[in-house]
N, C-alpha and C. Protein backbone atom coordinates (compact mmCIF):
# COMPACT_ATOMS: atom_id res chain seq x y z
N MET A 1 -19.35 46.27 10.33
CA MET A 1 -19.58 45.86 8.94
C MET A 1 -20.39 47.03 8.29
N THR A 2 -19.88 47.58 7.26
CA THR A 2 -20.56 48.62 6.50
C THR A 2 -20.32 48.49 5.11
N ASP A 3 -21.35 48.41 4.28
CA ASP A 3 -21.18 48.39 2.87
C ASP A 3 -21.33 49.91 2.47
N VAL A 4 -20.49 50.40 1.49
CA VAL A 4 -20.51 51.70 1.09
C VAL A 4 -20.66 51.75 -0.45
N TYR A 5 -21.53 52.67 -0.86
CA TYR A 5 -21.66 52.90 -2.33
C TYR A 5 -20.74 53.97 -2.79
N VAL A 6 -20.00 53.57 -3.88
CA VAL A 6 -19.12 54.52 -4.50
C VAL A 6 -19.44 54.73 -5.97
N TYR A 7 -19.09 55.92 -6.53
CA TYR A 7 -19.47 56.21 -7.88
C TYR A 7 -18.35 56.88 -8.62
N ARG A 8 -18.30 56.83 -9.93
CA ARG A 8 -17.52 57.77 -10.69
C ARG A 8 -18.31 59.11 -10.77
N PHE A 9 -17.61 60.15 -11.18
CA PHE A 9 -18.35 61.38 -11.34
C PHE A 9 -17.83 62.24 -12.41
N MET A 10 -18.64 63.10 -12.86
CA MET A 10 -18.24 64.10 -13.86
C MET A 10 -17.83 65.38 -13.20
N ARG A 11 -16.65 65.89 -13.59
CA ARG A 11 -16.19 67.19 -13.09
C ARG A 11 -15.81 68.13 -14.23
N ARG A 12 -15.77 69.35 -13.93
CA ARG A 12 -15.32 70.37 -14.92
C ARG A 12 -13.90 70.38 -15.01
N GLY A 13 -13.44 70.34 -16.23
CA GLY A 13 -12.03 70.52 -16.55
C GLY A 13 -11.63 72.03 -16.74
N PRO A 14 -10.32 72.29 -16.93
CA PRO A 14 -9.83 73.69 -17.05
C PRO A 14 -10.55 74.50 -18.05
N ALA A 15 -10.92 73.92 -19.20
CA ALA A 15 -11.57 74.57 -20.28
C ALA A 15 -13.07 74.46 -20.20
N GLY A 16 -13.63 73.96 -19.04
CA GLY A 16 -15.02 73.93 -18.92
C GLY A 16 -15.61 72.66 -19.44
N GLU A 17 -14.79 71.66 -19.93
CA GLU A 17 -15.30 70.44 -20.43
C GLU A 17 -15.52 69.45 -19.35
N ASN A 18 -16.42 68.49 -19.66
CA ASN A 18 -16.75 67.42 -18.60
C ASN A 18 -15.71 66.35 -18.67
N ILE A 19 -15.18 65.98 -17.47
CA ILE A 19 -14.17 64.96 -17.38
C ILE A 19 -14.58 63.96 -16.36
N LEU A 20 -14.49 62.64 -16.82
CA LEU A 20 -14.95 61.54 -15.88
C LEU A 20 -13.78 61.28 -14.99
N SER A 21 -14.13 61.15 -13.69
CA SER A 21 -13.15 60.93 -12.62
C SER A 21 -12.46 59.66 -12.79
N GLU A 22 -11.22 59.49 -12.40
CA GLU A 22 -10.51 58.26 -12.44
C GLU A 22 -10.81 57.47 -11.30
N ARG A 23 -11.21 58.03 -10.19
CA ARG A 23 -11.48 57.32 -8.93
C ARG A 23 -12.96 57.44 -8.57
N ARG A 24 -13.50 56.46 -7.92
CA ARG A 24 -14.81 56.47 -7.41
C ARG A 24 -14.79 57.08 -6.04
N ALA A 25 -15.97 57.58 -5.63
CA ALA A 25 -16.02 58.32 -4.34
C ALA A 25 -17.55 58.03 -3.82
N THR A 26 -17.71 58.39 -2.60
CA THR A 26 -19.06 58.46 -2.05
C THR A 26 -19.85 59.58 -2.46
N LEU A 27 -21.10 59.50 -2.42
CA LEU A 27 -21.93 60.63 -2.83
C LEU A 27 -21.57 61.93 -2.00
N GLU A 28 -21.34 61.76 -0.71
CA GLU A 28 -20.96 62.88 0.14
C GLU A 28 -19.69 63.53 -0.36
N THR A 29 -18.68 62.78 -0.75
CA THR A 29 -17.44 63.28 -1.30
C THR A 29 -17.61 63.99 -2.57
N ILE A 30 -18.54 63.50 -3.38
CA ILE A 30 -18.67 64.07 -4.75
C ILE A 30 -19.33 65.40 -4.69
N LYS A 31 -20.28 65.62 -3.69
CA LYS A 31 -20.90 66.94 -3.58
C LYS A 31 -19.89 68.04 -3.63
N GLY A 32 -20.16 68.97 -4.50
CA GLY A 32 -19.28 70.20 -4.75
C GLY A 32 -18.18 69.89 -5.69
N LYS A 33 -17.92 68.61 -6.00
CA LYS A 33 -16.90 68.37 -6.90
C LYS A 33 -17.31 68.10 -8.36
N GLY A 34 -18.60 67.70 -8.41
CA GLY A 34 -19.06 67.26 -9.77
C GLY A 34 -20.43 66.55 -9.54
N GLU A 35 -20.77 65.74 -10.54
CA GLU A 35 -22.10 65.11 -10.48
C GLU A 35 -21.88 63.56 -10.63
N ALA A 36 -22.43 62.79 -9.78
CA ALA A 36 -22.26 61.25 -9.79
C ALA A 36 -22.80 60.75 -10.99
N VAL A 37 -22.17 59.72 -11.51
CA VAL A 37 -22.60 58.81 -12.61
C VAL A 37 -23.25 57.69 -12.02
N MET A 38 -24.57 57.72 -11.80
CA MET A 38 -25.28 56.69 -11.01
C MET A 38 -25.07 55.26 -11.53
N GLU A 39 -24.94 55.17 -12.84
CA GLU A 39 -24.75 53.87 -13.48
C GLU A 39 -23.40 53.14 -13.08
N SER A 40 -22.56 53.95 -12.57
CA SER A 40 -21.12 53.45 -12.21
C SER A 40 -21.13 52.96 -10.78
N GLN A 41 -22.29 53.00 -10.01
CA GLN A 41 -22.31 52.54 -8.61
C GLN A 41 -21.89 51.16 -8.41
N ILE A 42 -20.96 50.98 -7.46
CA ILE A 42 -20.49 49.67 -6.98
C ILE A 42 -20.55 49.67 -5.46
N VAL A 43 -20.71 48.53 -4.87
CA VAL A 43 -20.73 48.45 -3.35
C VAL A 43 -19.40 47.84 -3.01
N VAL A 44 -18.81 48.48 -1.88
CA VAL A 44 -17.57 47.98 -1.42
C VAL A 44 -17.63 48.05 0.10
N ASP A 45 -16.69 47.39 0.64
CA ASP A 45 -16.49 47.36 2.16
C ASP A 45 -16.04 48.72 2.70
N HIS A 46 -16.45 49.14 3.87
CA HIS A 46 -15.99 50.43 4.42
C HIS A 46 -14.37 50.55 4.46
N THR A 47 -13.74 49.46 4.57
CA THR A 47 -12.26 49.38 4.73
C THR A 47 -11.63 49.77 3.39
N GLU A 48 -12.44 49.77 2.24
CA GLU A 48 -11.86 50.10 0.96
C GLU A 48 -11.98 51.63 0.57
N VAL A 49 -12.54 52.34 1.51
CA VAL A 49 -12.76 53.81 1.23
C VAL A 49 -11.78 54.55 2.20
N ASP A 50 -11.02 55.53 1.68
CA ASP A 50 -10.11 56.28 2.55
C ASP A 50 -10.87 57.32 3.31
N GLY A 51 -10.23 58.11 4.15
CA GLY A 51 -10.78 59.08 5.05
C GLY A 51 -11.38 60.21 4.24
N ASN A 52 -11.08 60.41 3.04
CA ASN A 52 -11.64 61.49 2.10
C ASN A 52 -12.86 61.02 1.41
N GLY A 53 -13.18 59.70 1.55
CA GLY A 53 -14.43 59.23 0.82
C GLY A 53 -14.15 58.69 -0.53
N PHE A 54 -12.75 58.46 -0.88
CA PHE A 54 -12.50 57.88 -2.22
C PHE A 54 -12.09 56.46 -2.07
N LEU A 55 -12.43 55.62 -3.11
CA LEU A 55 -12.14 54.20 -3.10
C LEU A 55 -10.63 54.11 -3.17
N ILE A 56 -10.04 53.30 -2.36
CA ILE A 56 -8.61 53.17 -2.31
C ILE A 56 -8.08 52.34 -3.47
N GLY A 57 -7.03 52.78 -4.09
CA GLY A 57 -6.40 51.97 -5.06
C GLY A 57 -7.16 51.82 -6.33
N SER A 58 -7.98 52.79 -6.71
CA SER A 58 -8.86 52.52 -7.91
C SER A 58 -8.51 53.39 -9.12
N ALA A 59 -7.39 54.14 -9.02
CA ALA A 59 -7.07 55.03 -10.17
C ALA A 59 -6.34 54.22 -11.27
N GLY A 60 -6.40 54.63 -12.46
CA GLY A 60 -5.67 54.05 -13.51
C GLY A 60 -6.58 53.10 -14.38
N ASN A 61 -6.08 51.90 -14.53
CA ASN A 61 -6.68 51.01 -15.58
C ASN A 61 -7.87 50.22 -15.07
N GLU A 62 -8.77 50.82 -14.29
CA GLU A 62 -9.94 50.19 -13.78
C GLU A 62 -10.95 49.84 -14.88
N SER A 63 -10.80 50.48 -15.97
CA SER A 63 -11.78 50.18 -17.07
C SER A 63 -11.54 48.69 -17.73
N HIS A 64 -10.31 48.23 -17.57
CA HIS A 64 -10.01 46.97 -18.12
C HIS A 64 -10.92 45.88 -17.41
N PRO A 65 -11.52 44.97 -18.15
CA PRO A 65 -12.49 44.11 -17.60
C PRO A 65 -11.90 43.19 -16.49
N MET A 66 -10.65 42.69 -16.76
CA MET A 66 -9.98 41.82 -15.76
C MET A 66 -9.69 42.53 -14.42
N VAL A 67 -9.29 43.80 -14.55
CA VAL A 67 -8.99 44.56 -13.31
C VAL A 67 -10.32 44.76 -12.60
N GLU A 68 -11.31 45.13 -13.31
CA GLU A 68 -12.61 45.40 -12.57
C GLU A 68 -13.11 44.14 -11.93
N LEU A 69 -13.02 43.01 -12.64
CA LEU A 69 -13.38 41.76 -12.11
C LEU A 69 -12.67 41.38 -10.84
N TRP A 70 -11.31 41.55 -10.83
CA TRP A 70 -10.47 41.29 -9.77
C TRP A 70 -10.89 42.14 -8.52
N ALA A 71 -11.13 43.43 -8.94
CA ALA A 71 -11.52 44.33 -7.78
C ALA A 71 -12.90 44.00 -7.18
N GLU A 72 -13.78 43.47 -7.94
CA GLU A 72 -15.09 43.01 -7.49
C GLU A 72 -14.92 41.84 -6.62
N ILE A 73 -14.03 40.89 -7.02
CA ILE A 73 -13.78 39.68 -6.17
C ILE A 73 -13.29 40.06 -4.85
N ARG A 74 -12.20 40.98 -4.93
CA ARG A 74 -11.59 41.44 -3.61
C ARG A 74 -12.58 42.07 -2.75
N SER A 75 -13.41 42.91 -3.34
CA SER A 75 -14.43 43.60 -2.47
C SER A 75 -15.47 42.64 -1.83
N LEU A 76 -15.86 41.73 -2.63
CA LEU A 76 -16.76 40.66 -2.09
C LEU A 76 -16.15 39.91 -0.93
N GLU A 77 -14.85 39.53 -1.06
CA GLU A 77 -14.23 38.88 0.02
C GLU A 77 -14.12 39.68 1.25
N ARG A 78 -13.79 40.91 1.06
CA ARG A 78 -13.61 41.95 2.17
C ARG A 78 -15.00 42.07 2.87
N ARG A 79 -15.98 42.21 2.06
CA ARG A 79 -17.36 42.41 2.66
C ARG A 79 -17.80 41.24 3.48
N ALA A 80 -17.42 39.92 2.92
CA ALA A 80 -17.75 38.66 3.74
C ALA A 80 -16.85 38.64 5.01
N ASN A 81 -15.67 39.05 4.99
CA ASN A 81 -14.75 39.06 6.19
C ASN A 81 -15.31 40.07 7.18
N SER A 82 -15.85 41.19 6.77
CA SER A 82 -16.47 42.18 7.70
C SER A 82 -17.63 41.54 8.41
N ARG A 83 -18.45 40.79 7.62
CA ARG A 83 -19.58 40.16 8.39
C ARG A 83 -19.25 39.12 9.30
N ASP A 84 -18.14 38.31 8.91
CA ASP A 84 -17.62 37.33 9.85
C ASP A 84 -17.12 37.91 11.12
N ASN A 85 -16.40 39.02 10.94
CA ASN A 85 -15.78 39.75 12.10
C ASN A 85 -16.89 40.30 13.07
N GLU A 86 -17.84 40.86 12.42
CA GLU A 86 -18.95 41.40 13.23
C GLU A 86 -19.72 40.22 14.06
N ALA A 87 -19.80 39.10 13.33
CA ALA A 87 -20.50 37.97 13.94
C ALA A 87 -19.72 37.49 15.21
N LEU A 88 -18.37 37.63 15.21
CA LEU A 88 -17.64 37.19 16.18
C LEU A 88 -17.67 38.11 17.44
N THR A 89 -18.13 39.38 17.28
CA THR A 89 -18.27 40.26 18.34
C THR A 89 -19.59 40.22 19.04
N LEU A 90 -20.61 39.42 18.55
CA LEU A 90 -21.79 39.41 19.07
C LEU A 90 -21.98 38.26 20.05
N GLY A 91 -22.95 38.40 20.99
CA GLY A 91 -23.18 37.37 22.00
C GLY A 91 -24.25 36.32 21.38
N GLU A 92 -23.90 35.08 21.37
CA GLU A 92 -24.76 34.04 20.85
C GLU A 92 -26.15 33.94 21.49
N SER A 93 -26.27 34.06 22.80
CA SER A 93 -27.50 34.04 23.52
C SER A 93 -28.44 35.14 23.16
N THR A 94 -27.91 36.33 23.02
CA THR A 94 -28.85 37.49 22.75
C THR A 94 -28.99 37.89 21.33
N GLU A 95 -27.98 37.66 20.54
CA GLU A 95 -28.04 38.11 19.08
C GLU A 95 -27.83 36.95 18.11
N GLY A 96 -28.29 35.79 18.47
CA GLY A 96 -28.27 34.57 17.63
C GLY A 96 -28.79 34.80 16.23
N GLN A 97 -29.91 35.40 16.12
CA GLN A 97 -30.55 35.67 14.78
C GLN A 97 -29.62 36.54 13.94
N ARG A 98 -29.02 37.59 14.55
CA ARG A 98 -28.13 38.50 13.77
C ARG A 98 -26.86 37.73 13.35
N ILE A 99 -26.33 36.93 14.13
CA ILE A 99 -25.14 36.11 13.83
C ILE A 99 -25.50 35.18 12.71
N TYR A 100 -26.62 34.54 12.72
CA TYR A 100 -27.10 33.73 11.60
C TYR A 100 -27.21 34.41 10.28
N SER A 101 -27.83 35.63 10.43
CA SER A 101 -27.92 36.42 9.20
C SER A 101 -26.62 36.89 8.68
N LEU A 102 -25.65 37.17 9.50
CA LEU A 102 -24.29 37.60 9.05
C LEU A 102 -23.59 36.45 8.41
N HIS A 103 -23.71 35.25 8.96
CA HIS A 103 -23.09 34.13 8.37
C HIS A 103 -23.70 33.82 6.95
N LEU A 104 -25.07 33.99 6.88
CA LEU A 104 -25.68 33.68 5.63
C LEU A 104 -25.17 34.64 4.55
N GLU A 105 -25.11 35.96 4.99
CA GLU A 105 -24.69 37.05 4.04
C GLU A 105 -23.18 36.71 3.60
N SER A 106 -22.42 36.38 4.62
CA SER A 106 -20.99 36.10 4.39
C SER A 106 -20.82 34.84 3.32
N ARG A 107 -21.59 33.84 3.55
CA ARG A 107 -21.57 32.75 2.68
C ARG A 107 -21.96 33.14 1.25
N GLU A 108 -23.07 33.95 1.08
CA GLU A 108 -23.46 34.30 -0.19
C GLU A 108 -22.46 35.21 -0.91
N LEU A 109 -21.80 36.06 -0.16
CA LEU A 109 -20.76 36.92 -0.81
C LEU A 109 -19.58 36.10 -1.29
N ARG A 110 -19.20 35.08 -0.44
CA ARG A 110 -18.18 34.16 -0.77
C ARG A 110 -18.50 33.35 -2.06
N ASN A 111 -19.72 32.92 -2.13
CA ASN A 111 -20.17 32.17 -3.36
C ASN A 111 -20.18 33.11 -4.49
N GLN A 112 -20.53 34.36 -4.42
CA GLN A 112 -20.46 35.25 -5.51
C GLN A 112 -19.01 35.38 -5.96
N ALA A 113 -18.15 35.57 -4.92
CA ALA A 113 -16.61 35.73 -5.27
C ALA A 113 -16.16 34.50 -6.04
N GLN A 114 -16.54 33.31 -5.61
CA GLN A 114 -16.15 32.08 -6.20
C GLN A 114 -16.57 32.00 -7.63
N ARG A 115 -17.87 32.39 -7.94
CA ARG A 115 -18.36 32.38 -9.27
C ARG A 115 -17.57 33.41 -10.20
N LEU A 116 -17.21 34.49 -9.65
CA LEU A 116 -16.47 35.46 -10.35
C LEU A 116 -14.99 34.96 -10.59
N LYS A 117 -14.43 34.23 -9.63
CA LYS A 117 -13.13 33.64 -9.78
C LYS A 117 -13.09 32.63 -10.92
N LYS A 118 -14.15 31.82 -10.95
CA LYS A 118 -14.20 30.86 -12.05
C LYS A 118 -14.48 31.54 -13.37
N GLN A 119 -15.27 32.63 -13.39
CA GLN A 119 -15.39 33.33 -14.63
C GLN A 119 -14.16 33.93 -15.09
N ARG A 120 -13.39 34.47 -14.19
CA ARG A 120 -12.03 35.14 -14.50
C ARG A 120 -11.10 34.00 -14.99
N ALA A 121 -11.04 32.86 -14.32
CA ALA A 121 -10.16 31.91 -14.75
C ALA A 121 -10.49 31.34 -16.14
N ASP A 122 -11.87 31.23 -16.37
CA ASP A 122 -12.34 30.76 -17.78
C ASP A 122 -11.85 31.69 -18.81
N ALA A 123 -12.02 33.01 -18.46
CA ALA A 123 -11.73 34.03 -19.51
C ALA A 123 -10.24 34.01 -19.77
N MET A 124 -9.46 33.85 -18.62
CA MET A 124 -7.96 33.86 -18.81
C MET A 124 -7.56 32.65 -19.67
N ALA A 125 -8.07 31.52 -19.33
CA ALA A 125 -7.72 30.30 -20.14
C ALA A 125 -8.11 30.47 -21.62
N SER A 126 -9.29 30.98 -21.82
CA SER A 126 -9.70 31.23 -23.20
C SER A 126 -8.79 32.14 -23.95
N GLU A 127 -8.34 33.27 -23.19
CA GLU A 127 -7.43 34.23 -23.81
C GLU A 127 -6.10 33.50 -24.11
N LEU A 128 -5.60 32.72 -23.18
CA LEU A 128 -4.31 32.03 -23.38
C LEU A 128 -4.50 31.04 -24.49
N GLY A 129 -5.63 30.32 -24.58
CA GLY A 129 -5.85 29.39 -25.66
C GLY A 129 -5.83 30.05 -27.00
N ASN A 130 -6.47 31.18 -27.09
CA ASN A 130 -6.45 31.99 -28.37
C ASN A 130 -5.03 32.34 -28.69
N ARG A 131 -4.22 32.79 -27.73
CA ARG A 131 -2.81 33.16 -28.04
C ARG A 131 -2.06 31.93 -28.46
N SER A 132 -2.17 30.86 -27.83
CA SER A 132 -1.48 29.62 -28.06
C SER A 132 -1.79 29.19 -29.41
N ASP A 133 -3.13 29.15 -29.78
CA ASP A 133 -3.47 28.63 -31.13
C ASP A 133 -2.88 29.46 -32.23
N GLY A 134 -2.83 30.81 -32.04
CA GLY A 134 -2.32 31.69 -33.07
C GLY A 134 -0.85 31.48 -33.12
N GLN A 135 -0.15 31.27 -32.10
CA GLN A 135 1.29 31.05 -32.14
C GLN A 135 1.66 29.77 -32.74
N ASP A 136 0.75 28.67 -32.48
CA ASP A 136 1.03 27.35 -33.14
C ASP A 136 0.83 27.49 -34.55
N PHE A 137 -0.04 28.31 -35.04
CA PHE A 137 -0.31 28.48 -36.46
C PHE A 137 0.86 29.22 -37.08
N LEU A 138 1.33 30.22 -36.45
CA LEU A 138 2.46 31.09 -36.90
C LEU A 138 3.68 30.14 -36.99
N ASP A 139 3.89 29.30 -35.98
CA ASP A 139 5.04 28.32 -35.99
C ASP A 139 4.94 27.41 -37.19
N PHE A 140 3.70 26.92 -37.42
CA PHE A 140 3.50 25.96 -38.54
C PHE A 140 3.77 26.64 -39.85
N VAL A 141 3.12 27.84 -40.10
CA VAL A 141 3.31 28.53 -41.28
C VAL A 141 4.70 28.96 -41.52
N GLY A 142 5.43 29.37 -40.51
CA GLY A 142 6.75 29.84 -40.69
C GLY A 142 7.84 28.75 -40.68
N SER A 143 7.40 27.55 -40.37
CA SER A 143 8.36 26.49 -40.23
C SER A 143 9.13 26.20 -41.59
N PRO A 144 10.45 25.96 -41.48
CA PRO A 144 11.21 25.68 -42.75
C PRO A 144 10.84 24.41 -43.37
N THR A 145 10.18 23.50 -42.67
CA THR A 145 9.76 22.21 -43.33
C THR A 145 8.56 22.29 -44.08
N THR A 146 7.75 23.36 -43.93
CA THR A 146 6.53 23.47 -44.72
C THR A 146 6.69 24.19 -46.02
N GLY A 147 7.87 24.71 -46.21
CA GLY A 147 7.88 25.59 -47.35
C GLY A 147 8.42 25.49 -48.63
């Protein structure tokens, strides 16, 4: 089980301009490529980082709030799974305290993921409700019986 910190970074473009990276990477990977944007730090499971130190599957529309939220939920669940897997490899008699700690961490990560899932579901329901209300209004206004 290893948590990894990854960041977006600023790099130089062809005309010398600063360009924000599309993908996040570890600090070690960023060295020599640009400067880390420290405010963009997120924690992910080691299984989410490729052999080159880049976050897997993070290019593109990561700036959309729902995409970022889903990625955070997925990462929390993977980190919880890593802790559970590590606990399974330890001996109860000699490493009971470590197993207990891993289970506590796993439970907290899963609770965080559940809170984010609820937040995401509420946001989606609200968005759908707004769309539905607008469509009902348009149907009412455009209806041949109202006019």
